[in-house]
């Protein structure tokens, strides 16, 4: 059964502050509400793939994520017609390598 994301959940995504919280907290939240998480949500150390599967709830999550300017400008890599989104955190990961 598909559970549609609430306005509160979508607002949380839009307003998530990456300057104060780690990106994994946002990704864990999205995973918890993502429909088809078994094949539509693929996360590895330097890459994230989100595939909406045509579900309008997932599409709304993507719209909210696009409205999170800092996330989108740091991580967005490419997208393909049909609801396929690809993100890359190589820049941020490289920065973390140099922290003591």
PDB file of N, CA and C in Angstrom:
ATOM      1  N   UNK A   1       0.841  -1.195   0.000  1.00  0.00           N
ATOM      2  CA  UNK A   1       0.000   0.000   0.000  1.00  0.00           C
ATOM      3  C   UNK A   1       0.877   1.246   0.000  1.00  0.00           C
ATOM      4  N   UNK A   2       0.588   2.169  -0.855  1.00  0.00           N
ATOM      5  CA  UNK A   2       1.379   3.389  -0.961  1.00  0.00           C
ATOM      6  C   UNK A   2       0.936   4.417   0.073  1.00  0.00           C
ATOM      7  N   UNK A   3       1.914   4.950   0.786  1.00  0.00           N
ATOM      8  CA  UNK A   3       1.648   6.001   1.762  1.00  0.00           C
ATOM      9  C   UNK A   3       2.192   7.306   1.191  1.00  0.00           C
ATOM     10  N   UNK A   4       1.315   8.258   1.054  1.00  0.00           N
ATOM     11  CA  UNK A   4       1.689   9.540   0.485  1.00  0.00           C
ATOM     12  C   UNK A   4       2.396  10.390   1.541  1.00  0.00           C
ATOM     13  N   UNK A   5       3.517  11.083   1.200  1.00  0.00           N
ATOM     14  CA  UNK A   5       4.200  11.927   2.190  1.00  0.00           C
ATOM     15  C   UNK A   5       3.316  13.098   2.616  1.00  0.00           C
ATOM     16  N   UNK A   6       3.387  13.424   3.897  1.00  0.00           N
ATOM     17  CA  UNK A   6       2.593  14.531   4.430  1.00  0.00           C
ATOM     18  C   UNK A   6       3.246  15.870   4.087  1.00  0.00           C
ATOM     19  N   UNK A   7       2.481  16.933   4.207  1.00  0.00           N
ATOM     20  CA  UNK A   7       3.025  18.275   3.988  1.00  0.00           C
ATOM     21  C   UNK A   7       4.148  18.566   4.986  1.00  0.00           C
ATOM     22  N   UNK A   8       4.011  18.084   6.206  1.00  0.00           N
ATOM     23  CA  UNK A   8       5.045  18.284   7.226  1.00  0.00           C
ATOM     24  C   UNK A   8       6.343  17.597   6.806  1.00  0.00           C
ATOM     25  N   UNK A   9       6.239  16.386   6.283  1.00  0.00           N
ATOM     26  CA  UNK A   9       7.430  15.663   5.831  1.00  0.00           C
ATOM     27  C   UNK A   9       8.093  16.370   4.645  1.00  0.00           C
ATOM     28  N   UNK A  10       7.290  16.849   3.712  1.00  0.00           N
ATOM     29  CA  UNK A  10       7.841  17.565   2.572  1.00  0.00           C
ATOM     30  C   UNK A  10       8.489  18.873   3.001  1.00  0.00           C
ATOM     31  N   UNK A  11       7.892  19.551   3.957  1.00  0.00           N
ATOM     32  CA  UNK A  11       8.466  20.800   4.470  1.00  0.00           C
ATOM     33  C   UNK A  11       9.794  20.532   5.166  1.00  0.00           C
ATOM     34  N   UNK A  12       9.886  19.415   5.893  1.00  0.00           N
ATOM     35  CA  UNK A  12      11.135  19.038   6.558  1.00  0.00           C
ATOM     36  C   UNK A  12      12.255  18.896   5.526  1.00  0.00           C
ATOM     37  N   UNK A  13      11.969  18.274   4.392  1.00  0.00           N
ATOM     38  CA  UNK A  13      12.965  18.096   3.335  1.00  0.00           C
ATOM     39  C   UNK A  13      13.385  19.445   2.769  1.00  0.00           C
ATOM     40  N   UNK A  14      12.415  20.300   2.482  1.00  0.00           N
ATOM     41  CA  UNK A  14      12.703  21.621   1.905  1.00  0.00           C
ATOM     42  C   UNK A  14      13.583  22.451   2.832  1.00  0.00           C
ATOM     43  N   UNK A  15      13.325  22.360   4.134  1.00  0.00           N
ATOM     44  CA  UNK A  15      13.992  23.246   5.098  1.00  0.00           C
ATOM     45  C   UNK A  15      15.176  22.594   5.802  1.00  0.00           C
ATOM     46  N   UNK A  16      15.519  21.365   5.455  1.00  0.00           N
ATOM     47  CA  UNK A  16      16.614  20.679   6.128  1.00  0.00           C
ATOM     48  C   UNK A  16      17.890  21.499   5.969  1.00  0.00           C
ATOM     49  N   UNK A  17      18.563  21.788   7.077  1.00  0.00           N
ATOM     50  CA  UNK A  17      19.725  22.677   7.083  1.00  0.00           C
ATOM     51  C   UNK A  17      21.019  21.860   7.088  1.00  0.00           C
ATOM     52  N   UNK A  18      21.642  21.768   5.927  1.00  0.00           N
ATOM     53  CA  UNK A  18      22.889  21.014   5.803  1.00  0.00           C
ATOM     54  C   UNK A  18      24.072  21.691   6.477  1.00  0.00           C
ATOM     55  N   UNK A  19      23.917  22.946   6.856  1.00  0.00           N
ATOM     56  CA  UNK A  19      24.986  23.623   7.579  1.00  0.00           C
ATOM     57  C   UNK A  19      25.004  23.229   9.052  1.00  0.00           C
ATOM     58  N   UNK A  20      23.884  22.685   9.529  1.00  0.00           N
ATOM     59  CA  UNK A  20      23.778  22.325  10.940  1.00  0.00           C
ATOM     60  C   UNK A  20      23.655  20.824  11.176  1.00  0.00           C
ATOM     61  N   UNK A  21      23.260  20.080  10.133  1.00  0.00           N
ATOM     62  CA  UNK A  21      23.017  18.643  10.293  1.00  0.00           C
ATOM     63  C   UNK A  21      23.679  17.878   9.159  1.00  0.00           C
ATOM     64  N   UNK A  22      24.083  16.642   9.412  1.00  0.00           N
ATOM     65  CA  UNK A  22      24.725  15.851   8.347  1.00  0.00           C
ATOM     66  C   UNK A  22      23.722  15.404   7.288  1.00  0.00           C
ATOM     67  N   UNK A  23      24.208  15.295   6.061  1.00  0.00           N
ATOM     68  CA  UNK A  23      23.344  14.921   4.939  1.00  0.00           C
ATOM     69  C   UNK A  23      22.730  13.544   5.151  1.00  0.00           C
ATOM     70  N   UNK A  24      23.424  12.645   5.830  1.00  0.00           N
ATOM     71  CA  UNK A  24      22.870  11.306   6.050  1.00  0.00           C
ATOM     72  C   UNK A  24      21.576  11.336   6.850  1.00  0.00           C
ATOM     73  N   UNK A  25      21.414  12.322   7.704  1.00  0.00           N
ATOM     74  CA  UNK A  25      20.161  12.447   8.444  1.00  0.00           C
ATOM     75  C   UNK A  25      18.997  12.725   7.488  1.00  0.00           C
ATOM     76  N   UNK A  26      19.234  13.581   6.509  1.00  0.00           N
ATOM     77  CA  UNK A  26      18.213  13.862   5.498  1.00  0.00           C
ATOM     78  C   UNK A  26      17.943  12.623   4.648  1.00  0.00           C
ATOM     79  N   UNK A  27      18.996  11.953   4.216  1.00  0.00           N
ATOM     80  CA  UNK A  27      18.829  10.770   3.367  1.00  0.00           C
ATOM     81  C   UNK A  27      18.118   9.644   4.107  1.00  0.00           C
ATOM     82  N   UNK A  28      18.432   9.463   5.386  1.00  0.00           N
ATOM     83  CA  UNK A  28      17.742   8.443   6.178  1.00  0.00           C
ATOM     84  C   UNK A  28      16.250   8.757   6.283  1.00  0.00           C
ATOM     85  N   UNK A  29      15.934  10.034   6.435  1.00  0.00           N
ATOM     86  CA  UNK A  29      14.533  10.436   6.510  1.00  0.00           C
ATOM     87  C   UNK A  29      13.813  10.153   5.186  1.00  0.00           C
ATOM     88  N   UNK A  30      14.450  10.541   4.088  1.00  0.00           N
ATOM     89  CA  UNK A  30      13.840  10.303   2.780  1.00  0.00           C
ATOM     90  C   UNK A  30      13.646   8.805   2.563  1.00  0.00           C
ATOM     91  N   UNK A  31      14.624   8.011   2.922  1.00  0.00           N
ATOM     92  CA  UNK A  31      14.514   6.555   2.781  1.00  0.00           C
ATOM     93  C   UNK A  31      13.301   6.020   3.545  1.00  0.00           C
ATOM     94  N   UNK A  32      13.059   6.593   4.719  1.00  0.00           N
ATOM     95  CA  UNK A  32      11.963   6.106   5.566  1.00  0.00           C
ATOM     96  C   UNK A  32      10.582   6.373   4.957  1.00  0.00           C
ATOM     97  N   UNK A  33      10.477   7.355   4.067  1.00  0.00           N
ATOM     98  CA  UNK A  33       9.179   7.676   3.474  1.00  0.00           C
ATOM     99  C   UNK A  33       9.130   7.357   1.975  1.00  0.00           C
ATOM    100  N   UNK A  34      10.238   6.867   1.422  1.00  0.00           N
ATOM    101  CA  UNK A  34      10.312   6.585  -0.017  1.00  0.00           C
ATOM    102  C   UNK A  34       9.577   5.298  -0.344  1.00  0.00           C
ATOM    103  N   UNK A  35       8.679   5.368  -1.299  1.00  0.00           N
ATOM    104  CA  UNK A  35       7.974   4.177  -1.772  1.00  0.00           C
ATOM    105  C   UNK A  35       8.880   3.435  -2.751  1.00  0.00           C
ATOM    106  N   UNK A  36       8.878   2.136  -2.711  1.00  0.00           N
ATOM    107  CA  UNK A  36       9.743   1.284  -3.538  1.00  0.00           C
ATOM    108  C   UNK A  36      11.206   1.426  -3.126  1.00  0.00           C
ATOM    109  N   UNK A  37      11.462   1.498  -1.831  1.00  0.00           N
ATOM    110  CA  UNK A  37      12.828   1.701  -1.357  1.00  0.00           C
ATOM    111  C   UNK A  37      13.743   0.516  -1.660  1.00  0.00           C
ATOM    112  N   UNK A  38      13.166  -0.654  -1.954  1.00  0.00           N
ATOM    113  CA  UNK A  38      14.002  -1.819  -2.230  1.00  0.00           C
ATOM    114  C   UNK A  38      14.743  -1.699  -3.562  1.00  0.00           C
ATOM    115  N   UNK A  39      14.206  -0.982  -4.537  1.00  0.00           N
ATOM    116  CA  UNK A  39      14.917  -0.803  -5.800  1.00  0.00           C
ATOM    117  C   UNK A  39      15.001   0.666  -6.224  1.00  0.00           C
ATOM    118  N   UNK A  40      14.213   1.527  -5.634  1.00  0.00           N
ATOM    119  CA  UNK A  40      14.174   2.928  -6.048  1.00  0.00           C
ATOM    120  C   UNK A  40      15.074   3.851  -5.265  1.00  0.00           C
ATOM    121  N   UNK A  41      15.702   3.343  -4.212  1.00  0.00           N
ATOM    122  CA  UNK A  41      16.568   4.160  -3.360  1.00  0.00           C
ATOM    123  C   UNK A  41      17.877   3.398  -3.212  1.00  0.00           C
ATOM    124  N   UNK A  42      18.913   3.855  -3.910  1.00  0.00           N
ATOM    125  CA  UNK A  42      20.214   3.178  -3.881  1.00  0.00           C
ATOM    126  C   UNK A  42      21.269   4.155  -3.390  1.00  0.00           C
ATOM    127  N   UNK A  43      21.879   3.818  -2.266  1.00  0.00           N
ATOM    128  CA  UNK A  43      22.860   4.710  -1.640  1.00  0.00           C
ATOM    129  C   UNK A  43      24.162   3.951  -1.452  1.00  0.00           C
ATOM    130  N   UNK A  44      25.254   4.561  -1.868  1.00  0.00           N
ATOM    131  CA  UNK A  44      26.588   4.017  -1.632  1.00  0.00           C
ATOM    132  C   UNK A  44      27.435   5.153  -1.075  1.00  0.00           C
ATOM    133  N   UNK A  45      28.685   4.891  -0.690  1.00  0.00           N
ATOM    134  CA  UNK A  45      29.475   5.952  -0.049  1.00  0.00           C
ATOM    135  C   UNK A  45      29.597   7.248  -0.839  1.00  0.00           C
ATOM    136  N   UNK A  46      29.610   7.192  -2.156  1.00  0.00           N
ATOM    137  CA  UNK A  46      29.798   8.417  -2.933  1.00  0.00           C
ATOM    138  C   UNK A  46      28.718   8.653  -3.976  1.00  0.00           C
ATOM    139  N   UNK A  47      27.625   7.910  -3.876  1.00  0.00           N
ATOM    140  CA  UNK A  47      26.600   8.036  -4.913  1.00  0.00           C
ATOM    141  C   UNK A  47      25.228   7.731  -4.328  1.00  0.00           C
ATOM    142  N   UNK A  48      24.230   8.429  -4.863  1.00  0.00           N
ATOM    143  CA  UNK A  48      22.841   8.190  -4.490  1.00  0.00           C
ATOM    144  C   UNK A  48      22.020   8.177  -5.766  1.00  0.00           C
ATOM    145  N   UNK A  49      21.182   7.146  -5.913  1.00  0.00           N
ATOM    146  CA  UNK A  49      20.247   7.066  -7.031  1.00  0.00           C
ATOM    147  C   UNK A  49      18.839   7.002  -6.465  1.00  0.00           C
ATOM    148  N   UNK A  50      17.972   7.850  -6.982  1.00  0.00           N
ATOM    149  CA  UNK A  50      16.562   7.820  -6.607  1.00  0.00           C
ATOM    150  C   UNK A  50      15.735   7.616  -7.863  1.00  0.00           C
ATOM    151  N   UNK A  51      14.906   6.587  -7.849  1.00  0.00           N
ATOM    152  CA  UNK A  51      14.037   6.257  -8.973  1.00  0.00           C
ATOM    153  C   UNK A  51      12.606   6.283  -8.451  1.00  0.00           C
ATOM    154  N   UNK A  52      11.807   7.182  -9.000  1.00  0.00           N
ATOM    155  CA  UNK A  52      10.471   7.416  -8.438  1.00  0.00           C
ATOM    156  C   UNK A  52       9.487   6.304  -8.743  1.00  0.00           C
ATOM    157  N   UNK A  53       9.728   5.514  -9.760  1.00  0.00           N
ATOM    158  CA  UNK A  53       8.803   4.450 -10.122  1.00  0.00           C
ATOM    159  C   UNK A  53       7.444   4.962 -10.561  1.00  0.00           C
ATOM    160  N   UNK A  54       7.372   6.247 -10.903  1.00  0.00           N
ATOM    161  CA  UNK A  54       6.107   6.827 -11.337  1.00  0.00           C
ATOM    162  C   UNK A  54       5.148   7.169 -10.210  1.00  0.00           C
ATOM    163  N   UNK A  55       5.528   6.891  -8.960  1.00  0.00           N
ATOM    164  CA  UNK A  55       4.662   7.178  -7.819  1.00  0.00           C
ATOM    165  C   UNK A  55       4.672   8.669  -7.523  1.00  0.00           C
ATOM    166  N   UNK A  56       3.506   9.284  -7.516  1.00  0.00           N
ATOM    167  CA  UNK A  56       3.404  10.732  -7.333  1.00  0.00           C
ATOM    168  C   UNK A  56       3.935  11.182  -5.974  1.00  0.00           C
ATOM    169  N   UNK A  57       3.852  10.338  -4.966  1.00  0.00           N
ATOM    170  CA  UNK A  57       4.432  10.688  -3.662  1.00  0.00           C
ATOM    171  C   UNK A  57       5.939  10.839  -3.736  1.00  0.00           C
ATOM    172  N   UNK A  58       6.596   9.939  -4.467  1.00  0.00           N
ATOM    173  CA  UNK A  58       8.042  10.065  -4.666  1.00  0.00           C
ATOM    174  C   UNK A  58       8.379  11.292  -5.495  1.00  0.00           C
ATOM    175  N   UNK A  59       7.536  11.587  -6.471  1.00  0.00           N
ATOM    176  CA  UNK A  59       7.748  12.791  -7.278  1.00  0.00           C
ATOM    177  C   UNK A  59       7.661  14.047  -6.403  1.00  0.00           C
ATOM    178  N   UNK A  60       6.736  14.069  -5.459  1.00  0.00           N
ATOM    179  CA  UNK A  60       6.633  15.215  -4.547  1.00  0.00           C
ATOM    180  C   UNK A  60       7.860  15.318  -3.643  1.00  0.00           C
ATOM    181  N   UNK A  61       8.402  14.183  -3.234  1.00  0.00           N
ATOM    182  CA  UNK A  61       9.639  14.195  -2.449  1.00  0.00           C
ATOM    183  C   UNK A  61      10.760  14.827  -3.274  1.00  0.00           C
ATOM    184  N   UNK A  62      10.831  14.478  -4.551  1.00  0.00           N
ATOM    185  CA  UNK A  62      11.871  15.045  -5.414  1.00  0.00           C
ATOM    186  C   UNK A  62      11.688  16.554  -5.595  1.00  0.00           C
ATOM    187  N   UNK A  63      10.453  16.998  -5.725  1.00  0.00           N
ATOM    188  CA  UNK A  63      10.200  18.439  -5.843  1.00  0.00           C
ATOM    189  C   UNK A  63      10.667  19.152  -4.576  1.00  0.00           C
ATOM    190  N   UNK A  64      10.363  18.566  -3.420  1.00  0.00           N
ATOM    191  CA  UNK A  64      10.804  19.159  -2.150  1.00  0.00           C
ATOM    192  C   UNK A  64      12.328  19.177  -2.071  1.00  0.00           C
ATOM    193  N   UNK A  65      12.964  18.111  -2.518  1.00  0.00           N
ATOM    194  CA  UNK A  65      14.421  18.036  -2.480  1.00  0.00           C
ATOM    195  C   UNK A  65      15.046  19.074  -3.412  1.00  0.00           C
ATOM    196  N   UNK A  66      14.438  19.294  -4.561  1.00  0.00           N
ATOM    197  CA  UNK A  66      14.925  20.323  -5.482  1.00  0.00           C
ATOM    198  C   UNK A  66      14.816  21.716  -4.866  1.00  0.00           C
ATOM    199  N   UNK A  67      13.853  21.906  -3.983  1.00  0.00           N
ATOM    200  CA  UNK A  67      13.676  23.207  -3.339  1.00  0.00           C
ATOM    201  C   UNK A  67      14.633  23.415  -2.170  1.00  0.00           C
ATOM    202  N   UNK A  68      15.352  22.366  -1.795  1.00  0.00           N
ATOM    203  CA  UNK A  68      16.419  22.513  -0.797  1.00  0.00           C
ATOM    204  C   UNK A  68      17.667  22.922  -1.573  1.00  0.00           C
ATOM    205  N   UNK A  69      17.888  24.219  -1.682  1.00  0.00           N
ATOM    206  CA  UNK A  69      18.917  24.769  -2.562  1.00  0.00           C
ATOM    207  C   UNK A  69      20.301  24.199  -2.263  1.00  0.00           C
ATOM    208  N   UNK A  70      20.681  24.133  -1.003  1.00  0.00           N
ATOM    209  CA  UNK A  70      22.026  23.683  -0.665  1.00  0.00           C
ATOM    210  C   UNK A  70      22.226  22.220  -1.041  1.00  0.00           C
ATOM    211  N   UNK A  71      21.249  21.363  -0.719  1.00  0.00           N
ATOM    212  CA  UNK A  71      21.381  19.962  -1.104  1.00  0.00           C
ATOM    213  C   UNK A  71      21.517  19.842  -2.612  1.00  0.00           C
ATOM    214  N   UNK A  72      20.612  20.482  -3.348  1.00  0.00           N
ATOM    215  CA  UNK A  72      20.593  20.316  -4.797  1.00  0.00           C
ATOM    216  C   UNK A  72      21.874  20.849  -5.427  1.00  0.00           C
ATOM    217  N   UNK A  73      22.372  21.980  -4.948  1.00  0.00           N
ATOM    218  CA  UNK A  73      23.570  22.558  -5.563  1.00  0.00           C
ATOM    219  C   UNK A  73      24.835  21.773  -5.204  1.00  0.00           C
ATOM    220  N   UNK A  74      24.863  21.105  -4.074  1.00  0.00           N
ATOM    221  CA  UNK A  74      26.044  20.326  -3.692  1.00  0.00           C
ATOM    222  C   UNK A  74      26.051  18.914  -4.264  1.00  0.00           C
ATOM    223  N   UNK A  75      24.892  18.296  -4.381  1.00  0.00           N
ATOM    224  CA  UNK A  75      24.855  16.862  -4.667  1.00  0.00           C
ATOM    225  C   UNK A  75      24.280  16.463  -6.015  1.00  0.00           C
ATOM    226  N   UNK A  76      23.414  17.265  -6.598  1.00  0.00           N
ATOM    227  CA  UNK A  76      22.774  16.864  -7.847  1.00  0.00           C
ATOM    228  C   UNK A  76      23.830  16.657  -8.923  1.00  0.00           C
ATOM    229  N   UNK A  77      23.696  15.539  -9.639  1.00  0.00           N
ATOM    230  CA  UNK A  77      24.622  15.235 -10.732  1.00  0.00           C
ATOM    231  C   UNK A  77      23.894  15.220 -12.069  1.00  0.00           C
ATOM    232  N   UNK A  78      22.815  14.427 -12.159  1.00  0.00           N
ATOM    233  CA  UNK A  78      22.060  14.346 -13.405  1.00  0.00           C
ATOM    234  C   UNK A  78      20.704  13.706 -13.141  1.00  0.00           C
ATOM    235  N   UNK A  79      19.836  13.849 -14.117  1.00  0.00           N
ATOM    236  CA  UNK A  79      18.539  13.191 -14.046  1.00  0.00           C
ATOM    237  C   UNK A  79      18.127  12.784 -15.449  1.00  0.00           C
ATOM    238  N   UNK A  80      17.294  11.765 -15.507  1.00  0.00           N
ATOM    239  CA  UNK A  80      16.833  11.253 -16.790  1.00  0.00           C
ATOM    240  C   UNK A  80      15.314  11.167 -16.780  1.00  0.00           C
ATOM    241  N   UNK A  81      14.751  11.366 -17.933  1.00  0.00           N
ATOM    242  CA  UNK A  81      13.312  11.292 -18.093  1.00  0.00           C
ATOM    243  C   UNK A  81      12.789   9.978 -17.521  1.00  0.00           C
ATOM    244  N   UNK A  82      11.663  10.068 -16.864  1.00  0.00           N
ATOM    245  CA  UNK A  82      11.072   8.885 -16.267  1.00  0.00           C
ATOM    246  C   UNK A  82      11.294   8.797 -14.767  1.00  0.00           C
ATOM    247  N   UNK A  83      11.832   9.851 -14.163  1.00  0.00           N
ATOM    248  CA  UNK A  83      11.986   9.879 -12.705  1.00  0.00           C
ATOM    249  C   UNK A  83      13.247   9.212 -12.187  1.00  0.00           C
ATOM    250  N   UNK A  84      14.367   9.403 -12.880  1.00  0.00           N
ATOM    251  CA  UNK A  84      15.647   8.825 -12.466  1.00  0.00           C
ATOM    252  C   UNK A  84      16.600   9.961 -12.113  1.00  0.00           C
ATOM    253  N   UNK A  85      17.023   9.999 -10.857  1.00  0.00           N
ATOM    254  CA  UNK A  85      17.855  11.080 -10.342  1.00  0.00           C
ATOM    255  C   UNK A  85      19.151  10.499  -9.782  1.00  0.00           C
ATOM    256  N   UNK A  86      20.254  11.195 -10.064  1.00  0.00           N
ATOM    257  CA  UNK A  86      21.571  10.733  -9.643  1.00  0.00           C
ATOM    258  C   UNK A  86      22.285  11.871  -8.910  1.00  0.00           C
ATOM    259  N   UNK A  87      22.855  11.519  -7.785  1.00  0.00           N
ATOM    260  CA  UNK A  87      23.544  12.495  -6.940  1.00  0.00           C
ATOM    261  C   UNK A  87      24.943  11.983  -6.636  1.00  0.00           C
ATOM    262  N   UNK A  88      25.871  12.922  -6.435  1.00  0.00           N
ATOM    263  CA  UNK A  88      27.264  12.577  -6.215  1.00  0.00           C
ATOM    264  C   UNK A  88      27.789  13.430  -5.068  1.00  0.00           C
ATOM    265  N   UNK A  89      28.395  12.787  -4.082  1.00  0.00           N
ATOM    266  CA  UNK A  89      28.938  13.558  -2.959  1.00  0.00           C
ATOM    267  C   UNK A  89      30.461  13.514  -2.932  1.00  0.00           C
ATOM    268  N   UNK A  90      31.085  13.318  -4.086  1.00  0.00           N
ATOM    269  CA  UNK A  90      32.543  13.209  -4.140  1.00  0.00           C
ATOM    270  C   UNK A  90      33.223  14.461  -3.592  1.00  0.00           C
ATOM    271  N   UNK A  91      32.701  15.650  -3.931  1.00  0.00           N
ATOM    272  CA  UNK A  91      33.313  16.886  -3.456  1.00  0.00           C
ATOM    273  C   UNK A  91      33.325  16.936  -1.934  1.00  0.00           C
ATOM    274  N   UNK A  92      32.210  16.648  -1.317  1.00  0.00           N
ATOM    275  CA  UNK A  92      32.113  16.694   0.138  1.00  0.00           C
ATOM    276  C   UNK A  92      32.962  15.589   0.755  1.00  0.00           C
ATOM    277  N   UNK A  93      32.936  14.401   0.184  1.00  0.00           N
ATOM    278  CA  UNK A  93      33.731  13.293   0.701  1.00  0.00           C
ATOM    279  C   UNK A  93      35.218  13.626   0.660  1.00  0.00           C
ATOM    280  N   UNK A  94      35.660  14.272  -0.416  1.00  0.00           N
ATOM    281  CA  UNK A  94      37.067  14.659  -0.494  1.00  0.00           C
ATOM    282  C   UNK A  94      37.425  15.675   0.572  1.00  0.00           C
ATOM    283  N   UNK A  95      36.517  16.587   0.879  1.00  0.00           N
ATOM    284  CA  UNK A  95      36.765  17.544   1.948  1.00  0.00           C
ATOM    285  C   UNK A  95      36.932  16.818   3.287  1.00  0.00           C
ATOM    286  N   UNK A  96      36.114  15.837   3.539  1.00  0.00           N
ATOM    287  CA  UNK A  96      36.164  15.120   4.812  1.00  0.00           C
ATOM    288  C   UNK A  96      37.447  14.320   4.955  1.00  0.00           C
ATOM    289  N   UNK A  97      38.058  13.907   3.872  1.00  0.00           N
ATOM    290  CA  UNK A  97      39.308  13.149   3.939  1.00  0.00           C
ATOM    291  C   UNK A  97      40.434  13.977   4.583  1.00  0.00           C
ATOM    292  N   UNK A  98      40.347  15.293   4.459  1.00  0.00           N
ATOM    293  CA  UNK A  98      41.405  16.154   4.951  1.00  0.00           C
ATOM    294  C   UNK A  98      41.182  16.629   6.387  1.00  0.00           C
ATOM    295  N   UNK A  99      40.084  16.223   7.003  1.00  0.00           N
ATOM    296  CA  UNK A  99      39.862  16.570   8.411  1.00  0.00           C
ATOM    297  C   UNK A  99      40.646  15.620   9.283  1.00  0.00           C
ATOM    298  N   UNK A 100      41.152  16.110  10.378  1.00  0.00           N
ATOM    299  CA  UNK A 100      41.967  15.286  11.271  1.00  0.00           C
ATOM    300  C   UNK A 100      41.095  14.485  12.131  1.00  0.00           C
TER     301      UNK A 100
END
